[in-house]
Amino acid sequence: MSYRSNAAEAWVPDQQSTVAQPDIPLDLLPPPSLTQPLWRSLAGNLRDTFAPEKLPPLELTSRPLDVGLLLGDRLRLPWFRTVFTNIGDVISPDTLPPLELESRPVDVGELITDQLSHFWWGSLLRNLADRVAPETQPALHLTAKPILDIIPKSWILLPLWSEVVDTPKVFYPDKPKPADAVRPVNLQPVALPAEKREAPPTQLTSADLLRDIRRSRIRQRIWIGLAAAQVLYMAAMALGKL
């Protein structure tokens, strides 16, 4: 299977490149161990248990790093050990060696936090300087090859028919509703039984007024208590500063 992109570069043949692209083997099939029978898998597991394969010693190219106590061991410690450890770290912290950075520093200019900490007139002067005398940047080096005709000339792009046809909108009339038969209206009074008749409530206005007065008194006491507590707190703070 040839390794070829499905992007726009694959539509236009590259006449300049005459070197044939190497074939990359691609195997998407599942491993053979997935389809082996159960007895063979059991025999292989028993063989690996009793007579494991002798492999050469592992060669590590990275440097070992002392990470201290592992997370699993740290979680298994009792609670008082963690308390004593935290107190010891606060009183006498460990002296660590200087950090060794293997990456090369890159000059990214001024950081965003430093830019946001400047005053607004500094940003205004910088924008005016960039508009009057912009900084000269080097030419951009592009490694990709430009594509002249990204869409082949043999293609025909046709618009949608709804964008071409312009017709007036047609609104169909609503369906007529069936006329309902006129129902006779019974205007005669209906007599209610004696047990369902309720006596009109008496003195509702006075009960509502008493309830509102009671609630207003409760709110007044709450606000007075909060104001008194605040005054006492401020007096205590003033006496404490003296």
C-alpha atoms as a PDB file:
ATOM      1  CA  MET A   1       0.000   0.000   0.000  1.00  0.00           C
ATOM      2  CA  SER A   2       1.455   3.326  -1.021  1.00  0.00           C
ATOM      3  CA  TYR A   3       1.554   6.138   1.493  1.00  0.00           C
ATOM      4  CA  ARG A   4      -0.355   8.987  -0.154  1.00  0.00           C
ATOM      5  CA  SER A   5      -2.342  11.849   1.341  1.00  0.00           C
ATOM      6  CA  ASN A   6      -6.013  12.388   0.567  1.00  0.00           C
ATOM      7  CA  ALA A   7      -5.645  16.177   0.734  1.00  0.00           C
ATOM      8  CA  ALA A   8      -5.673  18.620  -2.139  1.00  0.00           C
ATOM      9  CA  GLU A   9      -2.040  17.840  -2.961  1.00  0.00           C
ATOM     10  CA  ALA A  10      -3.074  14.350  -4.068  1.00  0.00           C
ATOM     11  CA  TRP A  11      -5.400  15.732  -6.760  1.00  0.00           C
ATOM     12  CA  VAL A  12      -2.613  17.358  -8.774  1.00  0.00           C
ATOM     13  CA  PRO A  13       0.155  15.000  -9.916  1.00  0.00           C
ATOM     14  CA  ASP A  14       3.649  16.089  -8.971  1.00  0.00           C
ATOM     15  CA  GLN A  15       5.648  16.037 -12.183  1.00  0.00           C
ATOM     16  CA  GLN A  16       8.887  17.194 -10.582  1.00  0.00           C
ATOM     17  CA  SER A  17       9.286  14.308  -8.179  1.00  0.00           C
ATOM     18  CA  THR A  18      10.519  11.299 -10.110  1.00  0.00           C
ATOM     19  CA  VAL A  19      11.576   9.210  -7.120  1.00  0.00           C
ATOM     20  CA  ALA A  20       9.111   6.422  -6.362  1.00  0.00           C
ATOM     21  CA  GLN A  21       7.592   6.522  -2.897  1.00  0.00           C
ATOM     22  CA  PRO A  22       8.486   3.574  -0.653  1.00  0.00           C
ATOM     23  CA  ASP A  23       5.753   1.135   0.281  1.00  0.00           C
ATOM     24  CA  ILE A  24       4.912   1.101   3.967  1.00  0.00           C
ATOM     25  CA  PRO A  25       3.580  -2.280   5.160  1.00  0.00           C
ATOM     26  CA  LEU A  26       0.268  -1.821   6.931  1.00  0.00           C
ATOM     27  CA  ASP A  27      -1.246  -4.705   8.874  1.00  0.00           C
ATOM     28  CA  LEU A  28      -4.619  -4.052  10.509  1.00  0.00           C
ATOM     29  CA  LEU A  29      -5.408  -7.676  11.343  1.00  0.00           C
ATOM     30  CA  PRO A  30      -5.765  -8.749  15.005  1.00  0.00           C
ATOM     31  CA  PRO A  31      -2.852 -10.635  16.575  1.00  0.00           C
ATOM     32  CA  PRO A  32      -2.769 -14.428  16.117  1.00  0.00           C
ATOM     33  CA  SER A  33      -3.070 -14.964  19.879  1.00  0.00           C
ATOM     34  CA  LEU A  34      -6.628 -13.659  19.720  1.00  0.00           C
ATOM     35  CA  THR A  35      -7.894 -16.577  17.639  1.00  0.00           C
ATOM     36  CA  GLN A  36      -5.905 -19.410  19.238  1.00  0.00           C
ATOM     37  CA  PRO A  37      -7.871 -22.121  21.085  1.00  0.00           C
ATOM     38  CA  LEU A  38      -8.331 -22.201  24.844  1.00  0.00           C
ATOM     39  CA  TRP A  39      -6.116 -25.227  25.503  1.00  0.00           C
ATOM     40  CA  ARG A  40      -3.188 -23.639  23.654  1.00  0.00           C
ATOM     41  CA  SER A  41      -3.534 -20.393  25.619  1.00  0.00           C
ATOM     42  CA  LEU A  42      -3.677 -22.386  28.898  1.00  0.00           C
ATOM     43  CA  ALA A  43      -0.566 -24.379  27.938  1.00  0.00           C
ATOM     44  CA  GLY A  44       1.310 -21.194  27.051  1.00  0.00           C
ATOM     45  CA  ASN A  45       0.435 -19.608  30.404  1.00  0.00           C
ATOM     46  CA  LEU A  46       1.598 -22.719  32.303  1.00  0.00           C
ATOM     47  CA  ARG A  47       4.863 -22.764  30.346  1.00  0.00           C
ATOM     48  CA  ASP A  48       5.477 -19.075  31.111  1.00  0.00           C
ATOM     49  CA  THR A  49       4.810 -19.743  34.809  1.00  0.00           C
ATOM     50  CA  PHE A  50       7.027 -22.802  35.353  1.00  0.00           C
ATOM     51  CA  ALA A  51       9.668 -22.281  32.650  1.00  0.00           C
ATOM     52  CA  PRO A  52       9.725 -18.601  31.698  1.00  0.00           C
ATOM     53  CA  GLU A  53      11.749 -17.422  28.745  1.00  0.00           C
ATOM     54  CA  LYS A  54      15.216 -16.134  29.642  1.00  0.00           C
ATOM     55  CA  LEU A  55      15.568 -12.608  28.313  1.00  0.00           C
ATOM     56  CA  PRO A  56      18.754 -10.520  28.263  1.00  0.00           C
ATOM     57  CA  PRO A  57      19.089  -7.901  30.984  1.00  0.00           C
ATOM     58  CA  LEU A  58      17.266  -4.682  30.339  1.00  0.00           C
ATOM     59  CA  GLU A  59      19.494  -1.787  29.375  1.00  0.00           C
ATOM     60  CA  LEU A  60      18.219   1.556  30.630  1.00  0.00           C
ATOM     61  CA  THR A  61      19.598   4.663  28.982  1.00  0.00           C
ATOM     62  CA  SER A  62      17.785   7.088  31.300  1.00  0.00           C
ATOM     63  CA  ARG A  63      19.202   8.160  34.629  1.00  0.00           C
ATOM     64  CA  PRO A  64      17.451   6.886  37.772  1.00  0.00           C
ATOM     65  CA  LEU A  65      15.649   9.544  39.760  1.00  0.00           C
ATOM     66  CA  ASP A  66      14.906   9.406  43.465  1.00  0.00           C
ATOM     67  CA  VAL A  67      11.232  10.286  43.798  1.00  0.00           C
ATOM     68  CA  GLY A  68      11.101   9.595  47.513  1.00  0.00           C
ATOM     69  CA  LEU A  69       8.175   7.724  49.019  1.00  0.00           C
ATOM     70  CA  LEU A  70       5.824   6.249  46.454  1.00  0.00           C
ATOM     71  CA  LEU A  71       2.207   7.340  46.345  1.00  0.00           C
ATOM     72  CA  GLY A  72       0.885   3.884  47.301  1.00  0.00           C
ATOM     73  CA  ASP A  73       3.179   3.706  50.337  1.00  0.00           C
ATOM     74  CA  ARG A  74       2.243   7.230  51.302  1.00  0.00           C
ATOM     75  CA  LEU A  75      -1.469   6.410  51.240  1.00  0.00           C
ATOM     76  CA  ARG A  76      -0.892   3.365  53.455  1.00  0.00           C
ATOM     77  CA  LEU A  77       0.754   5.447  56.182  1.00  0.00           C
ATOM     78  CA  PRO A  78      -1.302   6.217  59.330  1.00  0.00           C
ATOM     79  CA  TRP A  79      -2.670   9.700  59.784  1.00  0.00           C
ATOM     80  CA  PHE A  80      -0.273  10.732  62.571  1.00  0.00           C
ATOM     81  CA  ARG A  81       2.759   9.994  60.359  1.00  0.00           C
ATOM     82  CA  THR A  82       1.515  12.471  57.755  1.00  0.00           C
ATOM     83  CA  VAL A  83       0.915  15.096  60.448  1.00  0.00           C
ATOM     84  CA  PHE A  84       4.457  14.728  61.797  1.00  0.00           C
ATOM     85  CA  THR A  85       5.880  14.771  58.259  1.00  0.00           C
ATOM     86  CA  ASN A  86       4.055  17.994  57.416  1.00  0.00           C
ATOM     87  CA  ILE A  87       5.253  19.639  60.635  1.00  0.00           C
ATOM     88  CA  GLY A  88       8.832  18.548  59.875  1.00  0.00           C
ATOM     89  CA  ASP A  89       8.603  19.948  56.322  1.00  0.00           C
ATOM     90  CA  VAL A  90       7.440  23.294  57.696  1.00  0.00           C
ATOM     91  CA  ILE A  91      10.104  23.542  60.417  1.00  0.00           C
ATOM     92  CA  SER A  92      13.096  22.135  58.503  1.00  0.00           C
ATOM     93  CA  PRO A  93      12.389  21.666  54.775  1.00  0.00           C
ATOM     94  CA  ASP A  94      14.616  19.456  52.678  1.00  0.00           C
ATOM     95  CA  THR A  95      17.413  21.164  50.757  1.00  0.00           C
ATOM     96  CA  LEU A  96      16.995  20.077  47.145  1.00  0.00           C
ATOM     97  CA  PRO A  97      19.715  20.280  44.488  1.00  0.00           C
ATOM     98  CA  PRO A  98      19.384  22.922  41.791  1.00  0.00           C
ATOM     99  CA  LEU A  99      17.056  22.047  38.961  1.00  0.00           C
ATOM    100  CA  GLU A 100      18.807  20.825  35.829  1.00  0.00           C
ATOM    101  CA  LEU A 101      17.045  21.852  32.648  1.00  0.00           C
ATOM    102  CA  GLU A 102      17.939  19.907  29.523  1.00  0.00           C
ATOM    103  CA  SER A 103      15.815  21.980  27.161  1.00  0.00           C
ATOM    104  CA  ARG A 104      17.176  25.027  25.401  1.00  0.00           C
ATOM    105  CA  PRO A 105      15.708  28.398  26.412  1.00  0.00           C
ATOM    106  CA  VAL A 106      13.675  30.199  23.752  1.00  0.00           C
ATOM    107  CA  ASP A 107      13.203  33.944  23.752  1.00  0.00           C
ATOM    108  CA  VAL A 108       9.419  34.462  23.612  1.00  0.00           C
ATOM    109  CA  GLY A 109       9.577  38.180  24.281  1.00  0.00           C
ATOM    110  CA  GLU A 110       7.444  39.779  26.943  1.00  0.00           C
ATOM    111  CA  LEU A 111       5.091  37.480  28.814  1.00  0.00           C
ATOM    112  CA  ILE A 112       1.333  37.992  28.703  1.00  0.00           C
ATOM    113  CA  THR A 113       1.129  38.629  32.454  1.00  0.00           C
ATOM    114  CA  ASP A 114       3.743  41.376  32.161  1.00  0.00           C
ATOM    115  CA  GLN A 115       1.849  42.923  29.263  1.00  0.00           C
ATOM    116  CA  LEU A 116      -1.389  42.957  31.243  1.00  0.00           C
ATOM    117  CA  SER A 117       0.316  44.572  34.234  1.00  0.00           C
ATOM    118  CA  HIS A 118       1.331  47.639  32.215  1.00  0.00           C
ATOM    119  CA  PHE A 119      -0.697  50.842  32.246  1.00  0.00           C
ATOM    120  CA  TRP A 120      -3.012  51.701  29.390  1.00  0.00           C
ATOM    121  CA  TRP A 121      -0.844  54.540  28.045  1.00  0.00           C
ATOM    122  CA  GLY A 122       2.091  52.148  27.553  1.00  0.00           C
ATOM    123  CA  SER A 123      -0.077  49.953  25.324  1.00  0.00           C
ATOM    124  CA  LEU A 124      -1.293  53.035  23.442  1.00  0.00           C
ATOM    125  CA  LEU A 125       2.258  54.245  22.747  1.00  0.00           C
ATOM    126  CA  ARG A 126       3.319  50.749  21.672  1.00  0.00           C
ATOM    127  CA  ASN A 127       0.408  50.505  19.209  1.00  0.00           C
ATOM    128  CA  LEU A 128       1.210  53.929  17.780  1.00  0.00           C
ATOM    129  CA  ALA A 129       4.878  52.958  17.360  1.00  0.00           C
ATOM    130  CA  ASP A 130       3.900  49.726  15.595  1.00  0.00           C
ATOM    131  CA  ARG A 131       1.604  51.661  13.247  1.00  0.00           C
ATOM    132  CA  VAL A 132       4.115  54.433  12.424  1.00  0.00           C
ATOM    133  CA  ALA A 133       7.329  52.375  12.345  1.00  0.00           C
ATOM    134  CA  PRO A 134       6.474  48.650  12.257  1.00  0.00           C
ATOM    135  CA  GLU A 135       9.161  46.141  13.069  1.00  0.00           C
ATOM    136  CA  THR A 136      10.803  44.546  10.043  1.00  0.00           C
ATOM    137  CA  GLN A 137      10.365  40.784  10.137  1.00  0.00           C
ATOM    138  CA  PRO A 138      12.466  38.331   8.103  1.00  0.00           C
ATOM    139  CA  ALA A 139      10.910  36.624   5.134  1.00  0.00           C
ATOM    140  CA  LEU A 140       8.835  33.563   5.950  1.00  0.00           C
ATOM    141  CA  HIS A 141      10.376  30.329   4.685  1.00  0.00           C
ATOM    142  CA  LEU A 142       7.726  27.882   3.497  1.00  0.00           C
ATOM    143  CA  THR A 143       8.652  24.257   2.967  1.00  0.00           C
ATOM    144  CA  ALA A 144       5.323  23.285   1.352  1.00  0.00           C
ATOM    145  CA  LYS A 145       4.941  23.496  -2.397  1.00  0.00           C
ATOM    146  CA  PRO A 146       2.292  25.914  -3.710  1.00  0.00           C
ATOM    147  CA  ILE A 147      -0.642  24.405  -5.607  1.00  0.00           C
ATOM    148  CA  LEU A 148      -1.788  26.352  -8.619  1.00  0.00           C
ATOM    149  CA  ASP A 149      -5.074  24.609  -9.355  1.00  0.00           C
ATOM    150  CA  ILE A 150      -6.417  23.176  -6.121  1.00  0.00           C
ATOM    151  CA  ILE A 151      -9.693  22.384  -7.918  1.00  0.00           C
ATOM    152  CA  PRO A 152      -9.249  20.627 -11.289  1.00  0.00           C
ATOM    153  CA  LYS A 153     -10.529  22.482 -14.331  1.00  0.00           C
ATOM    154  CA  SER A 154     -12.539  19.452 -15.398  1.00  0.00           C
ATOM    155  CA  TRP A 155     -14.875  19.916 -12.450  1.00  0.00           C
ATOM    156  CA  ILE A 156     -18.128  21.813 -12.837  1.00  0.00           C
ATOM    157  CA  LEU A 157     -19.451  23.638  -9.804  1.00  0.00           C
ATOM    158  CA  LEU A 158     -23.231  23.969 -10.033  1.00  0.00           C
ATOM    159  CA  PRO A 159     -25.189  26.105  -7.547  1.00  0.00           C
ATOM    160  CA  LEU A 160     -28.279  24.867  -5.777  1.00  0.00           C
ATOM    161  CA  TRP A 161     -31.558  25.212  -7.657  1.00  0.00           C
ATOM    162  CA  SER A 162     -33.076  27.109  -4.745  1.00  0.00           C
ATOM    163  CA  GLU A 163     -30.421  29.817  -5.183  1.00  0.00           C
ATOM    164  CA  VAL A 164     -31.082  30.189  -8.908  1.00  0.00           C
ATOM    165  CA  VAL A 165     -34.886  30.067  -9.171  1.00  0.00           C
ATOM    166  CA  ASP A 166     -36.602  33.209  -7.911  1.00  0.00           C
ATOM    167  CA  THR A 167     -40.372  32.809  -7.596  1.00  0.00           C
ATOM    168  CA  PRO A 168     -42.936  34.628  -5.472  1.00  0.00           C
ATOM    169  CA  LYS A 169     -43.968  33.006  -2.254  1.00  0.00           C
ATOM    170  CA  VAL A 170     -47.337  31.327  -2.300  1.00  0.00           C
ATOM    171  CA  PHE A 171     -49.410  31.200   0.873  1.00  0.00           C
ATOM    172  CA  TYR A 172     -52.217  28.693   0.820  1.00  0.00           C
ATOM    173  CA  PRO A 173     -55.430  29.698   2.594  1.00  0.00           C
ATOM    174  CA  ASP A 174     -56.287  28.036   5.855  1.00  0.00           C
ATOM    175  CA  LYS A 175     -58.763  25.226   5.888  1.00  0.00           C
ATOM    176  CA  PRO A 176     -62.254  26.366   6.841  1.00  0.00           C
ATOM    177  CA  LYS A 177     -63.216  25.400  10.339  1.00  0.00           C
ATOM    178  CA  PRO A 178     -66.495  23.476  10.707  1.00  0.00           C
ATOM    179  CA  ALA A 179     -69.222  25.589  12.185  1.00  0.00           C
ATOM    180  CA  ASP A 180     -70.172  24.342  15.615  1.00  0.00           C
ATOM    181  CA  ALA A 181     -73.798  23.808  16.377  1.00  0.00           C
ATOM    182  CA  VAL A 182     -75.327  26.500  18.549  1.00  0.00           C
ATOM    183  CA  ARG A 183     -75.820  25.092  21.984  1.00  0.00           C
ATOM    184  CA  PRO A 184     -78.655  26.330  24.128  1.00  0.00           C
ATOM    185  CA  VAL A 185     -77.514  28.297  27.135  1.00  0.00           C
ATOM    186  CA  ASN A 186     -79.163  27.440  30.422  1.00  0.00           C
ATOM    187  CA  LEU A 187     -79.535  30.677  32.369  1.00  0.00           C
ATOM    188  CA  GLN A 188     -81.604  29.255  35.190  1.00  0.00           C
ATOM    189  CA  PRO A 189     -79.996  29.359  38.643  1.00  0.00           C
ATOM    190  CA  VAL A 190     -78.898  26.076  40.125  1.00  0.00           C
ATOM    191  CA  ALA A 191     -79.868  25.447  43.714  1.00  0.00           C
ATOM    192  CA  LEU A 192     -77.039  24.117  45.896  1.00  0.00           C
ATOM    193  CA  PRO A 193     -77.705  21.636  48.676  1.00  0.00           C
ATOM    194  CA  ALA A 194     -77.750  22.957  52.202  1.00  0.00           C
ATOM    195  CA  GLU A 195     -74.640  21.064  53.376  1.00  0.00           C
ATOM    196  CA  LYS A 196     -72.441  22.515  50.598  1.00  0.00           C
ATOM    197  CA  ARG A 197     -73.207  26.106  51.384  1.00  0.00           C
ATOM    198  CA  GLU A 198     -70.365  27.746  53.233  1.00  0.00           C
ATOM    199  CA  ALA A 199     -70.752  30.603  55.597  1.00  0.00           C
ATOM    200  CA  PRO A 200     -68.964  33.769  54.472  1.00  0.00           C
ATOM    201  CA  PRO A 201     -65.690  34.348  56.328  1.00  0.00           C
ATOM    202  CA  THR A 202     -65.862  36.952  59.052  1.00  0.00           C
ATOM    203  CA  GLN A 203     -63.204  39.471  60.034  1.00  0.00           C
ATOM    204  CA  LEU A 204     -60.574  38.459  57.433  1.00  0.00           C
ATOM    205  CA  THR A 205     -59.177  41.985  57.325  1.00  0.00           C
ATOM    206  CA  SER A 206     -58.444  42.138  61.033  1.00  0.00           C
ATOM    207  CA  ALA A 207     -56.709  38.708  61.034  1.00  0.00           C
ATOM    208  CA  ASP A 208     -54.441  39.675  58.119  1.00  0.00           C
ATOM    209  CA  LEU A 209     -53.600  42.962  59.800  1.00  0.00           C
ATOM    210  CA  LEU A 210     -52.634  41.251  63.064  1.00  0.00           C
ATOM    211  CA  ARG A 211     -50.434  38.730  61.200  1.00  0.00           C
ATOM    212  CA  ASP A 212     -48.611  41.509  59.314  1.00  0.00           C
ATOM    213  CA  ILE A 213     -48.028  43.452  62.535  1.00  0.00           C
ATOM    214  CA  ARG A 214     -46.615  40.353  64.240  1.00  0.00           C
ATOM    215  CA  ARG A 215     -44.220  39.667  61.361  1.00  0.00           C
ATOM    216  CA  SER A 216     -43.069  43.286  61.229  1.00  0.00           C
ATOM    217  CA  ARG A 217     -42.246  43.171  64.935  1.00  0.00           C
ATOM    218  CA  ILE A 218     -40.199  40.011  64.451  1.00  0.00           C
ATOM    219  CA  ARG A 219     -38.260  41.594  61.570  1.00  0.00           C
ATOM    220  CA  GLN A 220     -37.701  44.740  63.638  1.00  0.00           C
ATOM    221  CA  ARG A 221     -36.178  42.721  66.490  1.00  0.00           C
ATOM    222  CA  ILE A 222     -33.900  40.800  64.095  1.00  0.00           C
ATOM    223  CA  TRP A 223     -32.570  43.981  62.450  1.00  0.00           C
ATOM    224  CA  ILE A 224     -32.043  45.700  65.801  1.00  0.00           C
ATOM    225  CA  GLY A 225     -30.112  42.661  67.075  1.00  0.00           C
ATOM    226  CA  LEU A 226     -27.891  42.616  63.967  1.00  0.00           C
ATOM    227  CA  ALA A 227     -27.167  46.344  64.275  1.00  0.00           C
ATOM    228  CA  ALA A 228     -26.310  45.985  67.969  1.00  0.00           C
ATOM    229  CA  ALA A 229     -23.975  43.055  67.240  1.00  0.00           C
ATOM    230  CA  GLN A 230     -22.196  45.056  64.538  1.00  0.00           C
ATOM    231  CA  VAL A 231     -21.735  48.045  66.877  1.00  0.00           C
ATOM    232  CA  LEU A 232     -20.316  45.775  69.599  1.00  0.00           C
ATOM    233  CA  TYR A 233     -17.935  44.161  67.115  1.00  0.00           C
ATOM    234  CA  MET A 234     -16.656  47.530  65.898  1.00  0.00           C
ATOM    235  CA  ALA A 235     -16.191  48.746  69.466  1.00  0.00           C
ATOM    236  CA  ALA A 236     -14.255  45.576  70.353  1.00  0.00           C
ATOM    237  CA  MET A 237     -11.994  45.999  67.314  1.00  0.00           C
ATOM    238  CA  ALA A 238     -11.319  49.633  68.234  1.00  0.00           C
ATOM    239  CA  LEU A 239     -10.464  48.730  71.816  1.00  0.00           C
ATOM    240  CA  GLY A 240      -8.217  45.883  70.651  1.00  0.00           C
ATOM    241  CA  LYS A 241      -6.195  48.243  68.414  1.00  0.00           C
ATOM    242  CA  LEU A 242      -5.727  50.671  71.303  1.00  0.00           C
END
